[in-house]
């Protein structure tokens, strides 16, 4: 091993990790069938989503207990499973990763206490998360729908817990970080393959009950399916894809991808993700993706502007564009025209996605002007603008579709200041760690995560759900890897 590489208890993930996930899925499916059968036997029907979520969690318990860092692999793997499988409890959607993060936190703390070596790393990002949560709490008395505010605030607290859990386990060493990255990329591969199945399945006429596409995202709208995989909708799926794309791209360019995935398979994954980002047809995602690519070119300029690198990149880019065009061309005859029209915003005067966003943005600005300091209460943009504030509309509460305007409207300038400080802390911590890193693998991982976060922040100008789990997984990994790099450097100084 080179002298500049960090030594720790495990320099690369165990080769048995991927087969282990297959065992968990098999055990989870078996447990799900058993749970569903038992519940129905006692006349208590249970949905397949609930059965699967509980079953997978039960199957994961012994593995996480034996090896807590494997929990990061599982959480990374299940990131795209935002809609399937889920549990509906009291109007709230409980996802598989909510259960896994709580399980991992409890197991990790208990095992560390038992071994008398529990330690909480110094972490400025955690301070700014707590500050943002405190400022958000101050907005609660302003709410016209306190139930909605408490629900959203509770999810934000859960995201804070997710950050704490990920950073605690990541301090176990490079092995834990690479396990998380391996889970991330393999989960992305599963989601990408399923996304292709949705696209071509819809093309040949499979019903949405088979493709699991939501109505409106099938070919009835644009003449081709907008890929959403296991996510709520295409824009969320696209937002998630930034993370595996930029991490895999940076690791591949820097020659470190073999630590977590076969290089050729990783290249296929990168191309698949890029094609599906195009086919998901989310204009906000395109902006974020382009911003991320610009950041990538700036960061990797010395590496990519060489013949042996630039030529494969051009070939890959050409393949992605041709593949996307062929996929569209083989759909309905109107598909290419509809895609072009949507991309160029030629429907800006009539398209619901454009008109609704403009209207919501104007309403958010008005609410901010009326309540500039503390806003109208977290989660209360919808109740303030949709008739009866106590009655949930049939389609659910509307959002601003601009995270920054939504924070201004709901938490006021105080909340936006707290959010800005948090973003600044994340970038500053990451940049310091990148500059001081003596380990090329951890450095590459952190660069990929940081570029992905930048791309997500750009897309946040076009949608607004703050408590998305994959975003907080990303923040947790940035914080965790940064802490690990800096703690190792400090211990050697």
Protein backbone atom coordinates (compact mmCIF):
# COMPACT_ATOMS: atom_id res chain seq x y z
CA UNK A 1 0.00 0.00 0.00
CA UNK A 2 1.21 3.51 -0.81
CA UNK A 3 2.45 5.60 2.06
CA UNK A 4 -0.22 8.27 1.53
CA UNK A 5 -3.09 5.84 1.93
CA UNK A 6 -4.82 5.72 5.30
CA UNK A 7 -4.57 2.45 7.17
CA UNK A 8 -7.62 1.39 9.13
CA UNK A 9 -9.38 -1.75 10.26
CA UNK A 10 -10.58 -2.52 6.77
CA UNK A 11 -9.29 -0.81 3.65
CA UNK A 12 -12.01 -2.17 1.38
CA UNK A 13 -15.47 -3.64 1.80
CA UNK A 14 -15.85 -7.33 2.34
CA UNK A 15 -16.39 -9.23 -0.92
CA UNK A 16 -19.29 -11.00 0.72
CA UNK A 17 -21.30 -7.82 1.17
CA UNK A 18 -23.26 -8.05 -2.09
CA UNK A 19 -24.27 -11.71 -1.56
CA UNK A 20 -25.27 -10.66 1.97
CA UNK A 21 -27.84 -8.22 0.60
CA UNK A 22 -29.34 -11.06 -1.45
CA UNK A 23 -29.72 -13.08 1.73
CA UNK A 24 -31.39 -10.12 3.46
CA UNK A 25 -33.82 -9.64 0.57
CA UNK A 26 -34.62 -13.35 0.52
CA UNK A 27 -35.04 -13.43 4.29
CA UNK A 28 -37.10 -10.24 4.17
CA UNK A 29 -39.40 -11.65 1.50
CA UNK A 30 -39.86 -14.84 3.51
CA UNK A 31 -40.59 -12.85 6.67
CA UNK A 32 -43.00 -10.62 4.72
CA UNK A 33 -44.99 -13.60 3.50
CA UNK A 34 -45.11 -15.00 7.03
CA UNK A 35 -46.18 -11.64 8.51
CA UNK A 36 -48.90 -11.17 5.89
CA UNK A 37 -50.18 -14.71 6.44
CA UNK A 38 -50.25 -14.41 10.24
CA UNK A 39 -51.93 -10.99 10.19
CA UNK A 40 -54.58 -12.12 7.74
CA UNK A 41 -55.15 -15.28 9.79
CA UNK A 42 -56.09 -13.03 12.71
CA UNK A 43 -58.36 -10.94 10.46
CA UNK A 44 -55.93 -8.01 10.40
CA UNK A 45 -55.17 -7.38 6.70
CA UNK A 46 -51.71 -5.97 5.98
CA UNK A 47 -50.48 -4.34 2.79
CA UNK A 48 -47.62 -5.88 0.83
CA UNK A 49 -45.59 -2.67 1.29
CA UNK A 50 -45.88 -2.86 5.07
CA UNK A 51 -45.12 -6.58 5.08
CA UNK A 52 -42.00 -6.09 2.93
CA UNK A 53 -40.71 -3.15 4.97
CA UNK A 54 -41.14 -5.00 8.25
CA UNK A 55 -39.81 -8.25 6.80
CA UNK A 56 -36.62 -6.68 5.42
CA UNK A 57 -36.00 -4.85 8.70
CA UNK A 58 -36.45 -8.06 10.70
CA UNK A 59 -34.08 -9.92 8.38
CA UNK A 60 -31.48 -7.14 8.70
CA UNK A 61 -31.41 -7.17 12.52
CA UNK A 62 -28.91 -10.03 13.08
CA UNK A 63 -26.57 -8.73 10.38
CA UNK A 64 -26.51 -5.19 11.76
CA UNK A 65 -26.08 -6.49 15.31
CA UNK A 66 -23.10 -8.59 14.22
CA UNK A 67 -21.59 -5.85 12.06
CA UNK A 68 -23.13 -2.36 12.52
CA UNK A 69 -21.27 -0.77 9.58
CA UNK A 70 -23.18 -3.12 7.28
CA UNK A 71 -26.17 -0.94 8.15
CA UNK A 72 -24.64 1.82 6.02
CA UNK A 73 -24.52 -0.57 3.08
CA UNK A 74 -28.20 -1.41 3.54
CA UNK A 75 -29.23 2.23 3.90
CA UNK A 76 -27.27 3.20 0.78
CA UNK A 77 -28.79 0.29 -1.13
CA UNK A 78 -32.38 1.14 -0.18
CA UNK A 79 -32.11 4.89 -0.92
CA UNK A 80 -34.13 4.70 -4.18
CA UNK A 81 -36.91 2.67 -2.51
CA UNK A 82 -38.86 5.80 -1.63
CA UNK A 83 -42.31 4.55 -2.70
CA UNK A 84 -41.96 0.76 -2.68
CA UNK A 85 -42.03 -0.72 -0.08
CA UNK A 86 -43.57 1.77 2.35
CA UNK A 87 -45.92 1.79 5.33
CA UNK A 88 -48.79 4.24 5.73
CA UNK A 89 -49.28 5.19 9.38
CA UNK A 90 -51.63 7.98 10.42
CA UNK A 91 -51.39 9.70 7.05
CA UNK A 92 -47.57 9.63 7.09
CA UNK A 93 -45.43 7.45 4.82
CA UNK A 94 -42.84 5.35 6.66
CA UNK A 95 -40.04 4.13 4.40
CA UNK A 96 -37.71 1.16 4.82
CA UNK A 97 -34.76 3.45 5.57
CA UNK A 98 -36.61 5.12 8.44
CA UNK A 99 -36.75 1.74 10.15
CA UNK A 100 -33.16 0.87 9.25
CA UNK A 101 -31.72 4.18 10.51
CA UNK A 102 -33.42 3.84 13.90
CA UNK A 103 -32.39 0.19 14.15
CA UNK A 104 -28.79 1.06 13.26
CA UNK A 105 -28.64 3.91 15.79
CA UNK A 106 -29.92 1.74 18.66
CA UNK A 107 -27.65 -1.19 17.78
CA UNK A 108 -24.58 1.00 17.34
CA UNK A 109 -25.03 2.88 20.62
CA UNK A 110 -25.71 -0.32 22.59
CA UNK A 111 -22.70 -2.16 21.13
CA UNK A 112 -20.41 0.83 21.68
CA UNK A 113 -21.61 1.24 25.27
CA UNK A 114 -21.12 -2.46 25.91
CA UNK A 115 -17.54 -2.14 24.68
CA UNK A 116 -17.11 1.16 26.56
CA UNK A 117 -15.88 3.03 23.49
CA UNK A 118 -18.80 5.22 22.45
CA UNK A 119 -17.54 8.59 21.22
CA UNK A 120 -19.31 11.50 19.57
CA UNK A 121 -17.04 13.16 16.98
CA UNK A 122 -16.55 16.92 16.93
CA UNK A 123 -18.79 18.11 14.14
CA UNK A 124 -19.71 21.74 13.30
CA UNK A 125 -22.31 20.56 10.79
CA UNK A 126 -24.26 18.90 13.61
CA UNK A 127 -24.33 22.23 15.46
CA UNK A 128 -25.84 24.01 12.46
CA UNK A 129 -28.41 21.25 11.99
CA UNK A 130 -29.50 21.75 15.61
CA UNK A 131 -29.56 25.52 15.05
CA UNK A 132 -31.77 25.14 11.97
CA UNK A 133 -34.12 22.81 13.85
CA UNK A 134 -34.33 25.33 16.72
CA UNK A 135 -35.14 28.18 14.34
CA UNK A 136 -37.74 25.99 12.64
CA UNK A 137 -39.30 25.24 16.03
CA UNK A 138 -39.82 28.97 16.61
CA UNK A 139 -42.13 29.05 13.57
CA UNK A 140 -44.58 26.50 15.03
CA UNK A 141 -46.74 29.04 16.94
CA UNK A 142 -47.41 30.80 13.64
CA UNK A 143 -49.10 27.72 12.15
CA UNK A 144 -52.80 27.63 11.24
CA UNK A 145 -52.52 23.84 10.98
CA UNK A 146 -50.44 22.68 13.93
CA UNK A 147 -50.86 18.99 13.02
CA UNK A 148 -49.21 19.56 9.67
CA UNK A 149 -46.39 21.58 11.26
CA UNK A 150 -45.67 18.94 13.89
CA UNK A 151 -45.68 16.22 11.24
CA UNK A 152 -43.14 18.06 9.05
CA UNK A 153 -41.02 19.08 12.04
CA UNK A 154 -40.97 15.47 13.26
CA UNK A 155 -39.64 14.33 9.88
CA UNK A 156 -36.94 17.00 10.05
CA UNK A 157 -35.92 15.69 13.48
CA UNK A 158 -35.75 12.19 11.97
CA UNK A 159 -33.44 13.56 9.26
CA UNK A 160 -31.25 15.01 12.01
CA UNK A 161 -31.17 11.58 13.64
CA UNK A 162 -30.19 10.08 10.28
CA UNK A 163 -27.28 12.51 10.06
CA UNK A 164 -26.13 11.63 13.58
CA UNK A 165 -26.37 7.89 12.90
CA UNK A 166 -24.47 8.01 9.60
CA UNK A 167 -21.65 10.14 11.01
CA UNK A 168 -21.32 7.92 14.09
CA UNK A 169 -20.99 4.72 12.07
CA UNK A 170 -18.77 6.34 9.41
CA UNK A 171 -16.14 7.09 12.08
CA UNK A 172 -15.52 3.32 12.28
CA UNK A 173 -13.16 3.81 9.36
CA UNK A 174 -12.70 3.67 5.61
CA UNK A 175 -14.29 0.25 5.42
CA UNK A 176 -17.60 1.62 6.72
CA UNK A 177 -17.52 4.49 4.19
CA UNK A 178 -16.74 2.20 1.25
CA UNK A 179 -19.52 -0.16 2.37
CA UNK A 180 -21.95 2.76 2.18
CA UNK A 181 -20.71 3.67 -1.30
CA UNK A 182 -20.95 0.07 -2.46
CA UNK A 183 -24.55 -0.11 -1.21
CA UNK A 184 -25.30 3.22 -2.93
CA UNK A 185 -24.03 2.04 -6.32
CA UNK A 186 -25.64 -1.40 -6.22
CA UNK A 187 -28.95 0.13 -5.17
CA UNK A 188 -28.66 2.60 -8.05
CA UNK A 189 -28.00 -0.27 -10.45
CA UNK A 190 -31.16 -2.08 -9.32
CA UNK A 191 -33.19 1.13 -9.66
CA UNK A 192 -31.70 1.90 -13.09
CA UNK A 193 -32.50 -1.57 -14.44
CA UNK A 194 -36.03 -1.32 -13.07
CA UNK A 195 -36.34 2.11 -14.68
CA UNK A 196 -35.49 0.63 -18.07
CA UNK A 197 -38.10 -2.07 -17.48
CA UNK A 198 -40.66 0.67 -16.79
CA UNK A 199 -39.77 2.55 -19.98
CA UNK A 200 -39.81 -0.40 -22.34
CA UNK A 201 -42.61 -2.19 -20.50
CA UNK A 202 -44.81 0.88 -20.96
CA UNK A 203 -43.71 1.09 -24.60
CA UNK A 204 -44.95 -2.43 -25.38
CA UNK A 205 -48.24 -1.83 -23.58
CA UNK A 206 -47.82 -3.30 -20.09
CA UNK A 207 -50.38 -1.86 -17.63
CA UNK A 208 -49.25 0.48 -14.85
CA UNK A 209 -50.07 -2.30 -12.39
CA UNK A 210 -47.12 -4.18 -13.94
CA UNK A 211 -44.72 -1.28 -14.55
CA UNK A 212 -45.60 0.42 -11.22
CA UNK A 213 -45.64 3.80 -12.96
CA UNK A 214 -48.01 6.37 -11.53
CA UNK A 215 -50.81 7.47 -13.84
CA UNK A 216 -49.64 10.49 -15.83
CA UNK A 217 -46.06 9.29 -15.98
CA UNK A 218 -46.88 6.61 -18.54
CA UNK A 219 -46.95 7.26 -22.29
CA UNK A 220 -50.40 8.93 -22.18
CA UNK A 221 -48.78 12.33 -21.47
CA UNK A 222 -45.68 12.59 -23.66
CA UNK A 223 -45.85 9.45 -25.78
CA UNK A 224 -43.21 7.75 -23.61
CA UNK A 225 -42.85 6.82 -19.95
CA UNK A 226 -41.17 9.26 -17.58
CA UNK A 227 -39.00 6.91 -15.54
CA UNK A 228 -39.58 7.10 -11.80
CA UNK A 229 -38.37 3.64 -10.69
CA UNK A 230 -39.25 3.23 -6.98
CA UNK A 231 -39.58 6.99 -6.34
CA UNK A 232 -42.67 9.14 -5.83
CA UNK A 233 -42.15 10.92 -9.14
CA UNK A 234 -39.47 11.50 -11.82
CA UNK A 235 -38.04 14.69 -10.34
CA UNK A 236 -37.30 12.93 -7.02
CA UNK A 237 -35.76 9.99 -8.87
CA UNK A 238 -33.60 12.37 -10.90
CA UNK A 239 -32.54 14.18 -7.74
CA UNK A 240 -31.48 10.89 -6.15
CA UNK A 241 -29.53 9.84 -9.26
CA UNK A 242 -27.13 12.77 -8.86
CA UNK A 243 -25.56 10.98 -5.89
CA UNK A 244 -24.56 7.64 -7.46
CA UNK A 245 -23.74 9.34 -10.78
CA UNK A 246 -21.18 11.81 -9.49
CA UNK A 247 -19.70 9.43 -6.93
CA UNK A 248 -19.26 6.69 -9.56
CA UNK A 249 -17.93 9.22 -12.11
CA UNK A 250 -15.30 10.67 -9.77
CA UNK A 251 -14.19 7.25 -8.53
CA UNK A 252 -13.90 5.98 -12.11
CA UNK A 253 -12.00 9.02 -13.39
CA UNK A 254 -9.59 8.79 -10.46
CA UNK A 255 -9.10 5.03 -10.84
CA UNK A 256 -10.68 4.13 -7.46
CA UNK A 257 -13.93 2.52 -8.56
CA UNK A 258 -12.65 -1.06 -8.21
CA UNK A 259 -12.86 -0.63 -4.42
CA UNK A 260 -16.67 -0.71 -4.60
CA UNK A 261 -17.71 -2.03 -8.04
CA UNK A 262 -16.30 -3.63 -11.17
CA UNK A 263 -15.02 -0.83 -13.42
CA UNK A 264 -16.88 -1.94 -16.57
CA UNK A 265 -20.11 -2.36 -14.64
CA UNK A 266 -19.63 1.09 -13.11
CA UNK A 267 -19.24 2.62 -16.59
CA UNK A 268 -22.48 0.93 -17.65
CA UNK A 269 -24.16 2.29 -14.52
CA UNK A 270 -22.94 5.84 -15.24
CA UNK A 271 -24.32 5.67 -18.80
CA UNK A 272 -27.63 4.18 -17.62
CA UNK A 273 -28.07 6.90 -15.01
CA UNK A 274 -27.37 9.65 -17.55
CA UNK A 275 -29.89 8.17 -20.01
CA UNK A 276 -32.54 7.87 -17.30
CA UNK A 277 -31.91 11.43 -16.15
CA UNK A 278 -32.75 12.48 -19.70
CA UNK A 279 -35.79 10.23 -20.00
CA UNK A 280 -37.19 11.34 -16.62
CA UNK A 281 -37.70 14.73 -18.36
CA UNK A 282 -37.41 17.00 -15.32
CA UNK A 283 -36.24 20.47 -16.36
CA UNK A 284 -35.10 21.28 -12.84
CA UNK A 285 -33.04 18.09 -12.81
CA UNK A 286 -31.45 19.11 -16.11
CA UNK A 287 -30.35 22.39 -14.52
CA UNK A 288 -28.92 20.58 -11.51
CA UNK A 289 -27.24 17.98 -13.70
CA UNK A 290 -25.59 20.61 -15.91
CA UNK A 291 -24.43 22.55 -12.84
CA UNK A 292 -22.95 19.36 -11.43
CA UNK A 293 -21.17 18.60 -14.71
CA UNK A 294 -19.70 22.11 -14.79
CA UNK A 295 -18.43 21.62 -11.22
CA UNK A 296 -17.04 18.21 -12.25
CA UNK A 297 -15.13 19.72 -15.20
CA UNK A 298 -13.69 22.47 -13.00
CA UNK A 299 -12.60 20.07 -10.25
CA UNK A 300 -11.24 17.39 -12.60
CA UNK A 301 -9.81 19.70 -15.31
CA UNK A 302 -6.25 18.42 -14.87
CA UNK A 303 -7.43 14.82 -15.15
CA UNK A 304 -10.01 14.88 -17.94
CA UNK A 305 -8.29 17.12 -20.48
CA UNK A 306 -6.00 14.35 -21.61
CA UNK A 307 -6.50 12.24 -24.74
CA UNK A 308 -6.74 8.96 -22.83
CA UNK A 309 -9.57 10.38 -20.71
CA UNK A 310 -11.37 12.87 -22.94
CA UNK A 311 -11.86 10.41 -25.81
CA UNK A 312 -13.68 7.79 -23.66
CA UNK A 313 -15.77 10.61 -22.12
CA UNK A 314 -16.78 11.88 -25.56
CA UNK A 315 -17.64 8.33 -26.66
CA UNK A 316 -19.70 7.79 -23.50
CA UNK A 317 -21.47 11.13 -23.94
CA UNK A 318 -22.28 10.35 -27.57
CA UNK A 319 -23.56 6.90 -26.59
CA UNK A 320 -25.82 8.45 -23.95
CA UNK A 321 -27.32 10.96 -26.39
CA UNK A 322 -27.81 8.39 -29.15
CA UNK A 323 -29.27 5.88 -26.70
CA UNK A 324 -31.73 8.46 -25.38
CA UNK A 325 -32.77 9.47 -28.90
CA UNK A 326 -33.30 5.86 -29.98
CA UNK A 327 -35.40 5.19 -26.88
CA UNK A 328 -37.59 8.20 -27.67
CA UNK A 329 -37.77 7.44 -31.40
CA UNK A 330 -38.97 3.89 -30.74
CA UNK A 331 -41.82 5.22 -28.59
CA UNK A 332 -44.93 6.87 -30.00
CA UNK A 333 -44.40 9.11 -33.10
CA UNK A 334 -45.04 12.26 -31.04
CA UNK A 335 -42.47 11.39 -28.38
CA UNK A 336 -39.50 13.34 -29.80
CA UNK A 337 -41.62 16.44 -30.50
CA UNK A 338 -43.23 16.32 -27.06
CA UNK A 339 -39.80 15.94 -25.43
CA UNK A 340 -38.38 18.89 -27.37
CA UNK A 341 -41.41 21.07 -26.64
CA UNK A 342 -41.21 20.34 -22.91
CA UNK A 343 -37.45 20.84 -22.81
CA UNK A 344 -37.65 24.25 -24.51
CA UNK A 345 -40.60 25.29 -22.27
CA UNK A 346 -42.77 25.93 -25.33
CA UNK A 347 -45.74 25.03 -23.12
CA UNK A 348 -44.90 27.68 -20.50
CA UNK A 349 -48.23 29.51 -20.88
CA UNK A 350 -50.45 26.45 -20.49
CA UNK A 351 -48.41 23.70 -18.84
CA UNK A 352 -49.57 23.01 -15.29
CA UNK A 353 -46.00 22.39 -14.11
CA UNK A 354 -45.00 25.91 -15.20
CA UNK A 355 -48.16 27.87 -14.37
CA UNK A 356 -48.54 26.24 -10.94
CA UNK A 357 -44.90 26.94 -10.05
CA UNK A 358 -45.15 30.61 -11.02
CA UNK A 359 -48.39 31.01 -9.07
CA UNK A 360 -46.99 29.23 -5.99
CA UNK A 361 -43.85 31.34 -6.06
CA UNK A 362 -45.91 34.55 -6.11
CA UNK A 363 -48.00 33.28 -3.18
CA UNK A 364 -44.84 32.37 -1.24
CA UNK A 365 -43.42 35.86 -1.74
CA UNK A 366 -46.68 37.42 -0.52
CA UNK A 367 -46.73 35.23 2.58
CA UNK A 368 -43.12 36.18 3.27
CA UNK A 369 -43.93 39.88 2.99
CA UNK A 370 -46.76 39.44 5.50
CA UNK A 371 -44.63 37.34 7.89
CA UNK A 372 -40.99 38.23 7.14
CA UNK A 373 -39.23 37.05 10.30
CA UNK A 374 -40.70 33.70 11.41
CA UNK A 375 -42.94 32.86 8.46
CA UNK A 376 -46.34 31.18 8.59
CA UNK A 377 -45.14 27.96 10.22
CA UNK A 378 -43.21 24.99 8.89
CA UNK A 379 -45.32 22.94 6.47
CA UNK A 380 -48.07 25.56 6.39
CA UNK A 381 -47.76 26.99 2.89
CA UNK A 382 -50.49 24.61 1.71
CA UNK A 383 -52.91 25.23 4.61
CA UNK A 384 -52.44 28.99 4.12
CA UNK A 385 -53.28 28.90 0.40
CA UNK A 386 -55.79 26.03 -0.05
CA UNK A 387 -59.14 26.90 1.44
CA UNK A 388 -59.91 25.23 4.78
CA UNK A 389 -56.54 25.01 6.58
CA UNK A 390 -57.73 22.02 8.65
CA UNK A 391 -58.98 19.84 5.81
CA UNK A 392 -56.39 17.99 3.74
CA UNK A 393 -57.20 18.42 0.01
CA UNK A 394 -57.74 15.32 -2.11
CA UNK A 395 -54.34 15.70 -3.80
CA UNK A 396 -52.56 16.62 -0.59
CA UNK A 397 -51.08 19.95 0.46
CA UNK A 398 -49.38 21.94 -2.28
CA UNK A 399 -45.74 23.03 -2.05
CA UNK A 400 -43.96 26.04 -3.53
CA UNK A 401 -41.63 23.96 -5.75
CA UNK A 402 -38.79 26.27 -4.77
CA UNK A 403 -37.15 25.26 -1.50
CA UNK A 404 -35.66 28.67 -0.82
CA UNK A 405 -38.97 30.52 -1.30
CA UNK A 406 -40.78 27.87 0.74
CA UNK A 407 -38.38 28.36 3.65
CA UNK A 408 -38.86 32.12 3.42
CA UNK A 409 -42.66 31.72 3.45
CA UNK A 410 -42.82 29.09 6.22
CA UNK A 411 -39.86 29.91 8.49
CA UNK A 412 -39.08 33.45 7.39
CA UNK A 413 -35.75 35.16 6.95
CA UNK A 414 -34.60 33.62 10.23
CA UNK A 415 -35.11 30.14 8.82
CA UNK A 416 -33.42 30.95 5.52
CA UNK A 417 -30.45 32.34 7.43
CA UNK A 418 -30.20 29.10 9.42
CA UNK A 419 -30.46 27.02 6.24
CA UNK A 420 -27.79 29.13 4.53
CA UNK A 421 -25.44 28.73 7.49
CA UNK A 422 -25.99 24.97 7.39
CA UNK A 423 -25.20 24.78 3.66
CA UNK A 424 -22.12 26.92 4.21
CA UNK A 425 -20.93 24.69 7.05
CA UNK A 426 -21.33 21.58 4.87
CA UNK A 427 -19.28 23.00 2.01
CA UNK A 428 -16.60 24.54 4.23
CA UNK A 429 -16.17 21.29 6.20
CA UNK A 430 -15.96 19.27 2.97
CA UNK A 431 -13.47 21.64 1.29
CA UNK A 432 -11.21 21.65 4.34
CA UNK A 433 -11.26 17.84 4.48
CA UNK A 434 -10.61 17.50 0.73
CA UNK A 435 -7.60 19.81 0.92
CA UNK A 436 -6.16 18.03 3.96
CA UNK A 437 -6.94 14.44 2.93
CA UNK A 438 -4.01 12.06 2.72
CA UNK A 439 -6.18 9.21 1.42
CA UNK A 440 -7.00 9.26 -2.30
CA UNK A 441 -10.02 6.94 -1.96
CA UNK A 442 -11.75 8.90 0.78
CA UNK A 443 -10.90 12.13 -1.01
CA UNK A 444 -12.49 10.90 -4.25
CA UNK A 445 -15.63 9.77 -2.41
CA UNK A 446 -15.94 13.14 -0.66
CA UNK A 447 -15.47 15.08 -3.92
CA UNK A 448 -18.22 13.01 -5.57
CA UNK A 449 -20.62 13.54 -2.67
CA UNK A 450 -19.90 17.29 -2.58
CA UNK A 451 -20.55 17.79 -6.31
CA UNK A 452 -23.78 15.82 -5.99
CA UNK A 453 -24.86 18.08 -3.12
CA UNK A 454 -24.17 21.16 -5.24
CA UNK A 455 -26.31 19.72 -8.07
CA UNK A 456 -29.16 19.00 -5.62
CA UNK A 457 -29.05 22.55 -4.28
CA UNK A 458 -29.43 23.89 -7.82
CA UNK A 459 -32.43 21.63 -8.46
CA UNK A 460 -33.92 22.78 -5.14
CA UNK A 461 -34.89 25.99 -6.98
CA UNK A 462 -37.56 23.91 -8.77
CA UNK A 463 -38.95 21.65 -6.00
CA UNK A 464 -39.33 21.87 -2.26
CA UNK A 465 -39.37 18.90 0.04
CA UNK A 466 -36.72 19.39 2.70
CA UNK A 467 -37.03 16.05 4.50
CA UNK A 468 -36.04 13.80 1.57
CA UNK A 469 -34.05 10.92 3.01
CA UNK A 470 -31.46 10.62 0.23
CA UNK A 471 -30.54 14.30 0.67
CA UNK A 472 -29.84 13.77 4.36
CA UNK A 473 -27.98 10.54 3.65
CA UNK A 474 -25.78 12.63 1.37
CA UNK A 475 -25.28 15.32 4.02
CA UNK A 476 -24.50 12.58 6.55
CA UNK A 477 -21.90 11.01 4.27
CA UNK A 478 -20.26 14.40 3.59
CA UNK A 479 -20.10 15.04 7.34
CA UNK A 480 -19.01 11.50 8.16
CA UNK A 481 -16.23 11.30 5.57
CA UNK A 482 -15.02 14.81 6.46
CA UNK A 483 -14.90 13.92 10.15
CA UNK A 484 -13.03 10.69 9.42
CA UNK A 485 -10.41 12.42 7.26
CA UNK A 486 -9.82 15.23 9.73
CA UNK A 487 -9.78 12.96 12.80
CA UNK A 488 -7.16 10.70 11.25
CA UNK A 489 -5.07 13.72 10.24
CA UNK A 490 -5.31 15.20 13.76
CA UNK A 491 -4.36 11.89 15.37
CA UNK A 492 -1.16 11.81 13.28
CA UNK A 493 -0.20 15.41 13.96
